[in-house]
Amino acid sequence: MDRFSVDVLPQGGWEPFRKTAITQMVRINGPFIVETSEGPLTCQDGWLALDARGYPYPIADAEKSLIYEPVVDEA
């Protein structure tokens, strides 16, 4: 099994992808723990989101603004 860390990432071959599903999120101030399908994850300050299957996962506040943008209702 391959193991990757920030120090040793594959060089080249990276393809761009965009997330296409709308994600539900709620802001949680302060540290919190989320029981995920991969075990408990701690978030110091951020957002609680639901993945495409409806499972919860944490997103750090700084990461959220890099990955997600608000949905604008065009109705």
N, C-alpha and C. Protein backbone atom coordinates (compact mmCIF):
# COMPACT_ATOMS: atom_id res chain seq x y z
N MET A 1 0.85 -1.17 0.00
CA MET A 1 0.00 0.00 0.00
C MET A 1 0.89 1.23 0.00
N ASP A 2 0.58 2.21 -0.87
CA ASP A 2 1.34 3.46 -0.92
C ASP A 2 0.99 4.34 0.26
N ARG A 3 1.99 5.02 0.82
CA ARG A 3 1.76 6.00 1.88
C ARG A 3 2.25 7.34 1.38
N PHE A 4 1.47 8.37 1.61
CA PHE A 4 1.83 9.70 1.17
C PHE A 4 1.83 10.65 2.35
N SER A 5 2.75 11.58 2.33
CA SER A 5 2.76 12.66 3.31
C SER A 5 3.00 13.95 2.56
N VAL A 6 2.87 15.07 3.24
CA VAL A 6 3.08 16.36 2.60
C VAL A 6 4.52 16.47 2.09
N ASP A 7 5.45 15.83 2.78
CA ASP A 7 6.86 15.90 2.39
C ASP A 7 7.17 15.08 1.14
N VAL A 8 6.41 14.03 0.89
CA VAL A 8 6.70 13.13 -0.23
C VAL A 8 5.43 12.92 -1.05
N LEU A 9 5.12 13.88 -1.90
CA LEU A 9 3.96 13.76 -2.78
C LEU A 9 4.43 13.38 -4.17
N PRO A 10 3.59 12.65 -4.92
CA PRO A 10 3.96 12.30 -6.29
C PRO A 10 4.21 13.54 -7.13
N GLN A 11 5.20 13.48 -7.99
CA GLN A 11 5.51 14.59 -8.88
C GLN A 11 4.84 14.35 -10.23
N GLY A 12 4.12 15.34 -10.73
CA GLY A 12 3.47 15.23 -12.03
C GLY A 12 2.24 14.33 -11.99
N GLY A 13 1.46 14.35 -13.05
CA GLY A 13 0.30 13.50 -13.18
C GLY A 13 -0.94 13.99 -12.46
N TRP A 14 -0.88 15.16 -11.81
CA TRP A 14 -2.03 15.69 -11.08
C TRP A 14 -3.06 16.21 -12.07
N GLU A 15 -4.33 15.84 -11.90
CA GLU A 15 -5.41 16.29 -12.76
C GLU A 15 -6.35 17.20 -11.98
N PRO A 16 -6.87 18.26 -12.59
CA PRO A 16 -7.80 19.15 -11.89
C PRO A 16 -9.21 18.55 -11.83
N PHE A 17 -9.85 18.69 -10.69
CA PHE A 17 -11.24 18.27 -10.50
C PHE A 17 -11.99 19.36 -9.76
N ARG A 18 -13.28 19.47 -10.00
CA ARG A 18 -14.13 20.43 -9.31
C ARG A 18 -15.24 19.65 -8.61
N LYS A 19 -15.53 20.03 -7.37
CA LYS A 19 -16.66 19.41 -6.68
C LYS A 19 -17.93 19.95 -7.30
N THR A 20 -18.90 19.06 -7.50
CA THR A 20 -20.10 19.47 -8.21
C THR A 20 -21.37 19.44 -7.36
N ALA A 21 -21.34 18.77 -6.22
CA ALA A 21 -22.53 18.67 -5.38
C ALA A 21 -22.61 19.84 -4.41
N ILE A 22 -23.82 20.26 -4.12
CA ILE A 22 -24.04 21.27 -3.10
C ILE A 22 -23.84 20.60 -1.74
N THR A 23 -23.11 21.25 -0.86
CA THR A 23 -22.80 20.71 0.45
C THR A 23 -23.51 21.52 1.53
N GLN A 24 -24.17 20.83 2.43
CA GLN A 24 -24.82 21.48 3.57
C GLN A 24 -23.78 21.67 4.67
N MET A 25 -23.72 22.85 5.30
CA MET A 25 -22.75 23.14 6.37
C MET A 25 -23.39 23.98 7.46
N VAL A 26 -22.83 23.85 8.66
CA VAL A 26 -23.22 24.71 9.77
C VAL A 26 -21.94 25.12 10.49
N ARG A 27 -21.86 26.38 10.90
CA ARG A 27 -20.67 26.92 11.59
C ARG A 27 -20.66 26.45 13.03
N ILE A 28 -19.52 25.92 13.50
CA ILE A 28 -19.33 25.50 14.88
C ILE A 28 -18.14 26.29 15.44
N ASN A 29 -18.37 27.10 16.45
CA ASN A 29 -17.29 27.88 17.06
C ASN A 29 -16.59 27.03 18.11
N GLY A 30 -15.27 27.10 18.10
CA GLY A 30 -14.50 26.37 19.11
C GLY A 30 -14.24 24.93 18.71
N PRO A 31 -13.48 24.23 19.51
CA PRO A 31 -13.13 22.85 19.15
C PRO A 31 -14.34 21.91 19.22
N PHE A 32 -14.38 20.95 18.28
CA PHE A 32 -15.41 19.92 18.30
C PHE A 32 -14.85 18.64 17.68
N ILE A 33 -15.49 17.53 17.99
CA ILE A 33 -15.09 16.21 17.48
C ILE A 33 -16.24 15.65 16.68
N VAL A 34 -15.93 15.08 15.53
CA VAL A 34 -16.94 14.47 14.66
C VAL A 34 -16.61 13.00 14.50
N GLU A 35 -17.59 12.14 14.74
CA GLU A 35 -17.43 10.71 14.49
C GLU A 35 -17.67 10.48 13.00
N THR A 36 -16.63 10.16 12.25
CA THR A 36 -16.73 9.93 10.81
C THR A 36 -16.63 8.44 10.52
N SER A 37 -16.85 8.08 9.27
CA SER A 37 -16.71 6.68 8.88
C SER A 37 -15.27 6.21 8.99
N GLU A 38 -14.32 7.13 9.08
CA GLU A 38 -12.90 6.79 9.23
C GLU A 38 -12.41 6.96 10.66
N GLY A 39 -13.32 7.22 11.59
CA GLY A 39 -12.95 7.42 12.99
C GLY A 39 -13.16 8.86 13.39
N PRO A 40 -12.90 9.18 14.67
CA PRO A 40 -13.14 10.55 15.15
C PRO A 40 -12.14 11.55 14.58
N LEU A 41 -12.64 12.73 14.20
CA LEU A 41 -11.79 13.82 13.72
C LEU A 41 -12.07 15.05 14.56
N THR A 42 -11.01 15.75 14.94
CA THR A 42 -11.12 16.96 15.74
C THR A 42 -10.93 18.18 14.86
N CYS A 43 -11.74 19.19 15.09
CA CYS A 43 -11.62 20.46 14.38
C CYS A 43 -11.53 21.55 15.44
N GLN A 44 -10.54 22.39 15.37
CA GLN A 44 -10.35 23.44 16.37
C GLN A 44 -11.37 24.56 16.24
N ASP A 45 -11.77 24.88 15.03
CA ASP A 45 -12.73 25.95 14.79
C ASP A 45 -13.13 25.86 13.33
N GLY A 46 -14.39 25.65 13.05
CA GLY A 46 -14.74 25.54 11.64
C GLY A 46 -16.19 25.22 11.39
N TRP A 47 -16.39 24.30 10.46
CA TRP A 47 -17.71 23.99 9.94
C TRP A 47 -17.95 22.49 10.02
N LEU A 48 -19.20 22.13 10.26
CA LEU A 48 -19.63 20.75 10.20
C LEU A 48 -20.39 20.60 8.90
N ALA A 49 -19.95 19.69 8.03
CA ALA A 49 -20.55 19.53 6.71
C ALA A 49 -21.05 18.10 6.55
N LEU A 50 -21.90 17.90 5.56
CA LEU A 50 -22.38 16.57 5.21
C LEU A 50 -21.83 16.20 3.84
N ASP A 51 -21.24 14.99 3.72
CA ASP A 51 -20.72 14.57 2.43
C ASP A 51 -21.85 14.11 1.52
N ALA A 52 -21.53 13.64 0.33
CA ALA A 52 -22.53 13.25 -0.66
C ALA A 52 -23.40 12.10 -0.17
N ARG A 53 -22.91 11.31 0.78
CA ARG A 53 -23.68 10.20 1.34
C ARG A 53 -24.46 10.59 2.59
N GLY A 54 -24.31 11.85 3.04
CA GLY A 54 -25.01 12.32 4.22
C GLY A 54 -24.25 12.14 5.52
N TYR A 55 -22.98 11.76 5.44
CA TYR A 55 -22.15 11.57 6.63
C TYR A 55 -21.47 12.88 7.01
N PRO A 56 -21.35 13.18 8.31
CA PRO A 56 -20.73 14.42 8.75
C PRO A 56 -19.21 14.39 8.65
N TYR A 57 -18.62 15.55 8.39
CA TYR A 57 -17.17 15.70 8.43
C TYR A 57 -16.84 17.16 8.75
N PRO A 58 -15.71 17.39 9.44
CA PRO A 58 -15.33 18.76 9.79
C PRO A 58 -14.53 19.43 8.69
N ILE A 59 -14.67 20.74 8.59
CA ILE A 59 -13.86 21.54 7.68
C ILE A 59 -13.35 22.74 8.47
N ALA A 60 -12.04 22.90 8.52
CA ALA A 60 -11.46 24.06 9.20
C ALA A 60 -11.92 25.33 8.50
N ASP A 61 -12.13 26.39 9.26
CA ASP A 61 -12.64 27.64 8.70
C ASP A 61 -11.77 28.16 7.56
N ALA A 62 -10.46 28.10 7.73
CA ALA A 62 -9.55 28.58 6.68
C ALA A 62 -9.65 27.73 5.41
N GLU A 63 -9.85 26.43 5.55
CA GLU A 63 -9.98 25.54 4.38
C GLU A 63 -11.30 25.76 3.65
N LYS A 64 -12.35 26.05 4.39
CA LYS A 64 -13.67 26.23 3.77
C LYS A 64 -13.64 27.33 2.72
N SER A 65 -13.02 28.46 3.06
CA SER A 65 -13.01 29.58 2.11
C SER A 65 -12.16 29.29 0.88
N LEU A 66 -11.23 28.35 0.98
CA LEU A 66 -10.41 27.98 -0.18
C LEU A 66 -11.12 27.00 -1.11
N ILE A 67 -12.02 26.18 -0.55
CA ILE A 67 -12.63 25.09 -1.31
C ILE A 67 -14.05 25.38 -1.74
N TYR A 68 -14.81 26.08 -0.90
CA TYR A 68 -16.24 26.24 -1.15
C TYR A 68 -16.61 27.71 -1.37
N GLU A 69 -17.69 27.92 -2.09
CA GLU A 69 -18.26 29.26 -2.25
C GLU A 69 -19.76 29.17 -2.00
N PRO A 70 -20.36 30.25 -1.52
CA PRO A 70 -21.80 30.21 -1.22
C PRO A 70 -22.62 29.96 -2.48
N VAL A 71 -23.75 29.27 -2.30
CA VAL A 71 -24.69 29.06 -3.39
C VAL A 71 -25.59 30.29 -3.47
N VAL A 72 -25.68 30.87 -4.64
CA VAL A 72 -26.53 32.05 -4.86
C VAL A 72 -27.83 31.57 -5.50
N ASP A 73 -28.93 31.84 -4.84
CA ASP A 73 -30.24 31.44 -5.37
C ASP A 73 -30.58 32.35 -6.55
N GLU A 74 -30.69 31.74 -7.72
CA GLU A 74 -30.95 32.51 -8.95
C GLU A 74 -32.42 32.52 -9.30
N ALA A 75 -33.29 32.23 -8.37
CA ALA A 75 -34.73 32.19 -8.65
C ALA A 75 -35.34 33.56 -8.78
